[in-house]
N, C-alpha and C. Protein backbone atom coordinates (compact mmCIF):
# COMPACT_ATOMS: atom_id res chain seq x y z
N ASN A 1 -8.37 -16.94 37.20
CA ASN A 1 -8.43 -17.49 38.53
C ASN A 1 -9.75 -18.21 38.81
N ALA A 2 -10.76 -17.96 38.00
CA ALA A 2 -12.05 -18.61 38.22
C ALA A 2 -12.06 -20.04 37.69
N MET A 3 -11.05 -20.41 36.94
CA MET A 3 -10.97 -21.75 36.36
C MET A 3 -10.40 -22.73 37.39
N PRO A 4 -10.98 -23.91 37.51
CA PRO A 4 -10.47 -24.90 38.46
C PRO A 4 -9.01 -25.27 38.13
N ILE A 5 -8.22 -25.52 39.14
CA ILE A 5 -6.81 -25.84 38.98
C ILE A 5 -6.61 -27.07 38.10
N GLN A 6 -7.52 -28.06 38.18
CA GLN A 6 -7.42 -29.26 37.37
C GLN A 6 -7.49 -28.92 35.87
N THR A 7 -8.30 -27.93 35.53
CA THR A 7 -8.42 -27.50 34.14
C THR A 7 -7.20 -26.67 33.73
N LYS A 8 -6.75 -25.78 34.60
CA LYS A 8 -5.58 -24.96 34.31
C LYS A 8 -4.35 -25.81 33.98
N ILE A 9 -4.20 -26.90 34.69
CA ILE A 9 -3.05 -27.78 34.47
C ILE A 9 -3.07 -28.37 33.06
N LEU A 10 -4.25 -28.59 32.51
CA LEU A 10 -4.39 -29.19 31.19
C LEU A 10 -4.18 -28.20 30.04
N LEU A 11 -4.30 -26.90 30.32
CA LEU A 11 -4.18 -25.90 29.27
C LEU A 11 -2.78 -25.90 28.67
N LYS A 12 -2.73 -25.74 27.36
CA LYS A 12 -1.47 -25.72 26.64
C LYS A 12 -1.31 -24.37 25.95
N GLN A 13 -0.16 -23.76 26.10
CA GLN A 13 0.11 -22.49 25.42
C GLN A 13 0.50 -22.78 23.97
N VAL A 14 -0.08 -22.01 23.04
CA VAL A 14 0.21 -22.18 21.62
C VAL A 14 0.71 -20.87 21.03
N THR A 15 1.48 -20.97 19.98
CA THR A 15 1.94 -19.79 19.25
C THR A 15 0.92 -19.47 18.18
N VAL A 16 0.39 -18.24 18.21
CA VAL A 16 -0.65 -17.82 17.28
C VAL A 16 -0.11 -16.66 16.45
N GLN A 17 -0.29 -16.77 15.15
CA GLN A 17 0.13 -15.71 14.24
C GLN A 17 -1.09 -15.05 13.63
N SER A 18 -0.99 -13.74 13.40
CA SER A 18 -2.08 -13.01 12.80
C SER A 18 -1.54 -11.82 12.02
N SER A 19 -2.22 -11.52 10.93
CA SER A 19 -1.88 -10.32 10.17
C SER A 19 -2.09 -9.10 11.05
N ILE A 20 -1.28 -8.09 10.89
CA ILE A 20 -1.44 -6.88 11.70
C ILE A 20 -2.53 -5.97 11.14
N GLY A 21 -3.04 -6.29 9.95
CA GLY A 21 -4.14 -5.54 9.37
C GLY A 21 -3.71 -4.28 8.65
N ASP A 22 -4.65 -3.40 8.39
CA ASP A 22 -4.43 -2.13 7.71
C ASP A 22 -3.83 -2.32 6.32
N GLY A 23 -4.24 -3.41 5.63
CA GLY A 23 -3.77 -3.68 4.28
C GLY A 23 -2.37 -4.25 4.22
N SER A 24 -1.78 -4.56 5.36
CA SER A 24 -0.41 -5.07 5.42
C SER A 24 -0.40 -6.59 5.42
N SER A 25 0.68 -7.18 4.93
CA SER A 25 0.84 -8.63 5.03
C SER A 25 1.81 -8.99 6.15
N ASP A 26 2.19 -8.01 6.98
CA ASP A 26 3.06 -8.28 8.13
C ASP A 26 2.32 -9.13 9.15
N ILE A 27 3.05 -9.99 9.85
CA ILE A 27 2.47 -10.93 10.79
C ILE A 27 2.94 -10.63 12.21
N SER A 28 2.02 -10.72 13.15
CA SER A 28 2.31 -10.58 14.57
C SER A 28 2.19 -11.96 15.22
N THR A 29 3.04 -12.24 16.20
CA THR A 29 3.02 -13.53 16.88
C THR A 29 2.74 -13.35 18.36
N SER A 30 1.87 -14.19 18.92
CA SER A 30 1.54 -14.14 20.34
C SER A 30 1.53 -15.55 20.92
N GLU A 31 1.81 -15.64 22.21
CA GLU A 31 1.69 -16.90 22.93
C GLU A 31 0.37 -16.86 23.69
N CYS A 32 -0.53 -17.80 23.41
CA CYS A 32 -1.89 -17.74 23.95
C CYS A 32 -2.35 -19.09 24.48
N TYR A 33 -3.28 -19.05 25.41
CA TYR A 33 -3.98 -20.24 25.88
C TYR A 33 -5.37 -20.31 25.26
N ILE A 34 -5.94 -19.15 24.99
CA ILE A 34 -7.26 -19.05 24.38
C ILE A 34 -7.11 -18.19 23.14
N THR A 35 -7.63 -18.66 22.00
CA THR A 35 -7.47 -17.95 20.74
C THR A 35 -8.81 -17.82 20.03
N ILE A 36 -8.79 -17.05 18.95
CA ILE A 36 -9.92 -16.90 18.03
C ILE A 36 -9.45 -17.47 16.70
N PRO A 37 -10.25 -18.27 16.00
CA PRO A 37 -9.78 -18.86 14.75
C PRO A 37 -9.52 -17.82 13.66
N SER A 38 -8.61 -18.15 12.75
CA SER A 38 -8.32 -17.31 11.59
C SER A 38 -9.13 -17.81 10.39
N ILE A 39 -9.15 -17.02 9.33
CA ILE A 39 -9.92 -17.39 8.14
C ILE A 39 -9.43 -18.70 7.53
N ILE A 40 -8.13 -18.91 7.48
CA ILE A 40 -7.60 -20.13 6.86
C ILE A 40 -7.83 -21.36 7.73
N GLU A 41 -8.03 -21.17 9.02
CA GLU A 41 -8.29 -22.30 9.90
C GLU A 41 -9.72 -22.83 9.78
N ILE A 42 -10.65 -22.01 9.26
CA ILE A 42 -12.04 -22.45 9.17
C ILE A 42 -12.52 -22.64 7.73
N SER A 43 -11.67 -22.38 6.77
CA SER A 43 -12.07 -22.54 5.37
C SER A 43 -10.93 -23.15 4.58
N ASN A 44 -11.23 -24.19 3.82
CA ASN A 44 -10.20 -24.80 2.99
C ASN A 44 -10.24 -24.27 1.56
N SER A 45 -10.88 -23.12 1.37
CA SER A 45 -10.96 -22.50 0.04
C SER A 45 -9.58 -22.02 -0.40
N SER A 46 -9.28 -22.21 -1.66
CA SER A 46 -7.99 -21.75 -2.20
C SER A 46 -7.90 -20.22 -2.20
N THR A 47 -9.03 -19.53 -2.01
CA THR A 47 -9.05 -18.07 -1.95
C THR A 47 -8.15 -17.56 -0.82
N TYR A 48 -8.08 -18.29 0.27
CA TYR A 48 -7.32 -17.86 1.44
C TYR A 48 -5.96 -18.53 1.54
N ASN A 49 -5.62 -19.36 0.56
CA ASN A 49 -4.34 -20.07 0.58
C ASN A 49 -3.24 -19.17 -0.01
N LYS A 50 -3.09 -18.00 0.58
CA LYS A 50 -2.09 -17.02 0.15
C LYS A 50 -1.72 -16.17 1.36
N GLU A 51 -0.70 -15.36 1.20
CA GLU A 51 -0.29 -14.48 2.30
C GLU A 51 -1.27 -13.32 2.41
N PRO A 52 -1.54 -12.82 3.60
CA PRO A 52 -0.97 -13.20 4.87
C PRO A 52 -1.68 -14.36 5.55
N TYR A 53 -2.77 -14.86 4.93
CA TYR A 53 -3.61 -15.86 5.59
C TYR A 53 -2.88 -17.17 5.85
N ILE A 54 -2.05 -17.60 4.91
CA ILE A 54 -1.34 -18.87 5.08
C ILE A 54 -0.43 -18.81 6.31
N SER A 55 0.08 -17.62 6.64
CA SER A 55 0.94 -17.46 7.82
C SER A 55 0.14 -17.45 9.12
N GLU A 56 -1.18 -17.31 9.02
CA GLU A 56 -2.03 -17.32 10.21
C GLU A 56 -2.42 -18.73 10.64
N MET A 57 -2.03 -19.71 9.87
CA MET A 57 -2.31 -21.09 10.23
C MET A 57 -1.66 -21.39 11.57
N ALA A 58 -2.39 -22.07 12.43
CA ALA A 58 -1.86 -22.38 13.76
C ALA A 58 -0.54 -23.13 13.64
N ILE A 59 0.47 -22.64 14.31
CA ILE A 59 1.79 -23.26 14.25
C ILE A 59 1.74 -24.67 14.82
N THR A 60 0.93 -24.87 15.83
CA THR A 60 0.90 -26.18 16.48
C THR A 60 0.22 -27.24 15.61
N SER A 61 -0.81 -26.88 14.87
CA SER A 61 -1.50 -27.88 14.07
C SER A 61 -1.11 -27.80 12.60
N GLY A 62 -0.95 -26.58 12.08
CA GLY A 62 -0.56 -26.40 10.69
C GLY A 62 -1.61 -26.83 9.68
N LYS A 63 -2.87 -26.87 10.10
CA LYS A 63 -3.91 -27.29 9.17
C LYS A 63 -5.25 -26.66 9.51
N THR A 64 -6.16 -26.77 8.56
CA THR A 64 -7.52 -26.27 8.74
C THR A 64 -8.24 -27.13 9.77
N ILE A 65 -9.13 -26.52 10.55
CA ILE A 65 -9.93 -27.25 11.54
C ILE A 65 -10.98 -28.04 10.76
N SER A 66 -10.83 -29.33 10.69
CA SER A 66 -11.64 -30.17 9.80
C SER A 66 -13.14 -30.03 10.01
N TYR A 67 -13.59 -29.88 11.23
CA TYR A 67 -15.03 -29.79 11.48
C TYR A 67 -15.60 -28.39 11.26
N MET A 68 -14.79 -27.44 10.77
CA MET A 68 -15.25 -26.08 10.53
C MET A 68 -15.29 -25.70 9.05
N THR A 69 -15.08 -26.64 8.14
CA THR A 69 -14.93 -26.28 6.73
C THR A 69 -16.24 -26.18 5.96
N SER A 70 -17.35 -26.59 6.52
CA SER A 70 -18.63 -26.45 5.81
C SER A 70 -19.46 -25.34 6.43
N ARG A 71 -20.35 -24.78 5.62
CA ARG A 71 -21.22 -23.68 6.09
C ARG A 71 -21.98 -24.09 7.36
N ASP A 72 -22.62 -25.24 7.32
CA ASP A 72 -23.45 -25.65 8.46
C ASP A 72 -22.61 -25.84 9.72
N ASN A 73 -21.41 -26.34 9.59
CA ASN A 73 -20.56 -26.56 10.76
C ASN A 73 -19.97 -25.28 11.33
N ARG A 74 -19.92 -24.22 10.53
CA ARG A 74 -19.41 -22.93 11.03
C ARG A 74 -20.48 -22.12 11.76
N LYS A 75 -21.74 -22.46 11.59
CA LYS A 75 -22.82 -21.71 12.24
C LYS A 75 -22.72 -21.85 13.75
N ARG A 76 -22.99 -20.77 14.44
CA ARG A 76 -23.02 -20.77 15.90
C ARG A 76 -24.27 -20.03 16.35
N ALA A 77 -24.95 -20.60 17.36
CA ALA A 77 -26.20 -20.01 17.84
C ALA A 77 -26.02 -19.49 19.25
N TYR A 78 -26.67 -18.39 19.51
CA TYR A 78 -26.75 -17.87 20.87
C TYR A 78 -27.81 -18.64 21.63
N ASP A 79 -27.85 -18.45 22.93
CA ASP A 79 -28.88 -19.05 23.75
C ASP A 79 -30.24 -18.63 23.18
N GLY A 80 -31.10 -19.55 22.92
CA GLY A 80 -32.38 -19.25 22.29
C GLY A 80 -32.44 -19.79 20.88
N GLY A 81 -31.28 -20.18 20.32
CA GLY A 81 -31.27 -20.86 19.04
C GLY A 81 -31.05 -20.03 17.80
N ASP A 82 -31.01 -18.70 17.90
CA ASP A 82 -30.80 -17.89 16.71
C ASP A 82 -29.33 -17.88 16.33
N TYR A 83 -29.03 -18.16 15.04
CA TYR A 83 -27.66 -18.11 14.56
C TYR A 83 -27.21 -16.67 14.47
N ALA A 84 -25.94 -16.44 14.72
CA ALA A 84 -25.43 -15.06 14.72
C ALA A 84 -24.03 -15.01 14.14
N GLU A 85 -23.63 -13.81 13.77
CA GLU A 85 -22.32 -13.56 13.19
C GLU A 85 -21.26 -13.52 14.28
N TYR A 86 -20.03 -13.97 13.95
CA TYR A 86 -18.93 -13.88 14.90
C TYR A 86 -17.64 -13.53 14.18
N TRP A 87 -16.73 -12.94 14.94
CA TRP A 87 -15.45 -12.46 14.43
C TRP A 87 -14.45 -13.59 14.24
N LEU A 88 -13.58 -13.41 13.26
CA LEU A 88 -12.38 -14.21 13.13
C LEU A 88 -11.20 -13.30 13.46
N ARG A 89 -10.01 -13.83 13.66
CA ARG A 89 -8.88 -12.97 14.03
C ARG A 89 -8.20 -12.35 12.82
N SER A 90 -8.63 -12.69 11.62
CA SER A 90 -7.97 -12.23 10.40
C SER A 90 -8.54 -10.92 9.86
N PRO A 91 -7.70 -9.91 9.74
CA PRO A 91 -8.12 -8.72 8.99
C PRO A 91 -8.19 -9.08 7.51
N ASP A 92 -9.05 -8.41 6.75
CA ASP A 92 -9.09 -8.60 5.30
C ASP A 92 -7.91 -7.82 4.71
N ALA A 93 -6.91 -8.53 4.23
CA ALA A 93 -5.66 -7.91 3.79
C ALA A 93 -5.83 -7.03 2.55
N SER A 94 -6.94 -7.16 1.86
CA SER A 94 -7.16 -6.34 0.66
C SER A 94 -7.61 -4.93 0.99
N TYR A 95 -7.99 -4.69 2.24
CA TYR A 95 -8.52 -3.40 2.64
C TYR A 95 -7.89 -2.96 3.95
N SER A 96 -8.03 -1.70 4.29
CA SER A 96 -7.37 -1.20 5.50
C SER A 96 -8.22 -1.34 6.76
N ARG A 97 -9.55 -1.48 6.64
CA ARG A 97 -10.37 -1.46 7.84
C ARG A 97 -11.30 -2.65 8.02
N TYR A 98 -11.31 -3.61 7.13
CA TYR A 98 -12.25 -4.73 7.23
C TYR A 98 -11.64 -5.92 7.95
N ILE A 99 -12.50 -6.69 8.61
CA ILE A 99 -12.09 -7.90 9.32
C ILE A 99 -13.00 -9.04 8.88
N TRP A 100 -12.44 -10.25 8.79
CA TRP A 100 -13.21 -11.42 8.39
C TRP A 100 -14.15 -11.86 9.52
N THR A 101 -15.35 -12.28 9.12
CA THR A 101 -16.34 -12.81 10.05
C THR A 101 -17.00 -14.04 9.43
N VAL A 102 -17.76 -14.74 10.24
CA VAL A 102 -18.65 -15.80 9.76
C VAL A 102 -20.07 -15.30 10.05
N ASP A 103 -20.92 -15.32 9.02
CA ASP A 103 -22.28 -14.80 9.21
C ASP A 103 -23.23 -15.89 9.72
N SER A 104 -24.47 -15.54 9.91
CA SER A 104 -25.45 -16.46 10.50
C SER A 104 -25.77 -17.66 9.60
N TYR A 105 -25.37 -17.59 8.33
CA TYR A 105 -25.57 -18.70 7.39
C TYR A 105 -24.34 -19.61 7.31
N GLY A 106 -23.26 -19.23 8.01
CA GLY A 106 -22.03 -20.01 7.99
C GLY A 106 -21.07 -19.59 6.90
N ASP A 107 -21.40 -18.52 6.18
CA ASP A 107 -20.52 -18.01 5.13
C ASP A 107 -19.51 -17.03 5.71
N VAL A 108 -18.33 -16.93 5.09
CA VAL A 108 -17.34 -15.96 5.54
C VAL A 108 -17.54 -14.65 4.79
N SER A 109 -17.26 -13.56 5.48
CA SER A 109 -17.38 -12.22 4.90
C SER A 109 -16.19 -11.40 5.34
N GLY A 110 -15.58 -10.69 4.41
CA GLY A 110 -14.43 -9.87 4.72
C GLY A 110 -14.72 -8.38 4.68
N TYR A 111 -15.99 -8.02 4.77
CA TYR A 111 -16.37 -6.61 4.65
C TYR A 111 -17.05 -6.08 5.91
N GLU A 112 -16.47 -6.37 7.05
CA GLU A 112 -17.06 -5.96 8.32
C GLU A 112 -16.12 -5.00 9.04
N TYR A 113 -16.66 -3.89 9.52
CA TYR A 113 -15.88 -2.90 10.26
C TYR A 113 -15.66 -3.36 11.70
N PRO A 114 -14.54 -2.99 12.29
CA PRO A 114 -14.24 -3.45 13.66
C PRO A 114 -15.16 -2.89 14.74
N ASP A 115 -15.95 -1.87 14.43
CA ASP A 115 -16.84 -1.32 15.46
C ASP A 115 -18.22 -1.98 15.46
N TYR A 116 -18.45 -3.00 14.60
CA TYR A 116 -19.70 -3.75 14.63
C TYR A 116 -19.71 -4.68 15.85
N SER A 117 -20.89 -4.99 16.36
CA SER A 117 -21.02 -5.88 17.52
C SER A 117 -21.37 -7.28 17.06
N TYR A 118 -20.41 -8.19 17.14
CA TYR A 118 -20.61 -9.59 16.81
C TYR A 118 -20.08 -10.44 17.96
N GLY A 119 -20.39 -11.71 17.89
CA GLY A 119 -19.88 -12.64 18.89
C GLY A 119 -18.45 -13.05 18.59
N ILE A 120 -17.89 -13.85 19.48
CA ILE A 120 -16.58 -14.44 19.23
C ILE A 120 -16.66 -15.94 19.47
N LEU A 121 -15.85 -16.65 18.76
CA LEU A 121 -15.72 -18.09 18.92
C LEU A 121 -14.31 -18.33 19.46
N ILE A 122 -14.23 -18.94 20.61
CA ILE A 122 -12.90 -19.15 21.19
C ILE A 122 -12.45 -20.59 21.02
N GLU A 123 -11.13 -20.73 20.94
CA GLU A 123 -10.49 -22.04 20.92
C GLU A 123 -9.62 -22.14 22.16
N ILE A 124 -9.73 -23.26 22.84
CA ILE A 124 -8.90 -23.50 24.02
C ILE A 124 -8.03 -24.70 23.73
N SER A 125 -6.74 -24.57 23.95
CA SER A 125 -5.81 -25.66 23.65
C SER A 125 -5.55 -26.50 24.89
N PHE A 126 -5.82 -27.79 24.77
CA PHE A 126 -5.53 -28.74 25.84
C PHE A 126 -4.46 -29.70 25.36
């Protein structure tokens, strides 16, 4: 409700798929206006071009976010300029408790526990 009506009108609902985690390759689907990127959406590495990650590709675009595929472009800084780690929506399917993140150097890591405190990067669909 804090968003201006002119902006709300422009928002587009998208279908987002994500692995359910816990070492499973099962996929959950949600209808969202604001999302968090998946591992396959920010990396064009063939390492993630397999299930369940390939199913996490945004249904609306069906491709990697072109400006997020390099280390430097994945870096995000907090106010003050320090780069920091942030969560992706993809659980690491090889393990039961790890989730993919992007670290302060722009590299992806799949060995992070869900109780760690990191930032989030949101995507808004217009």
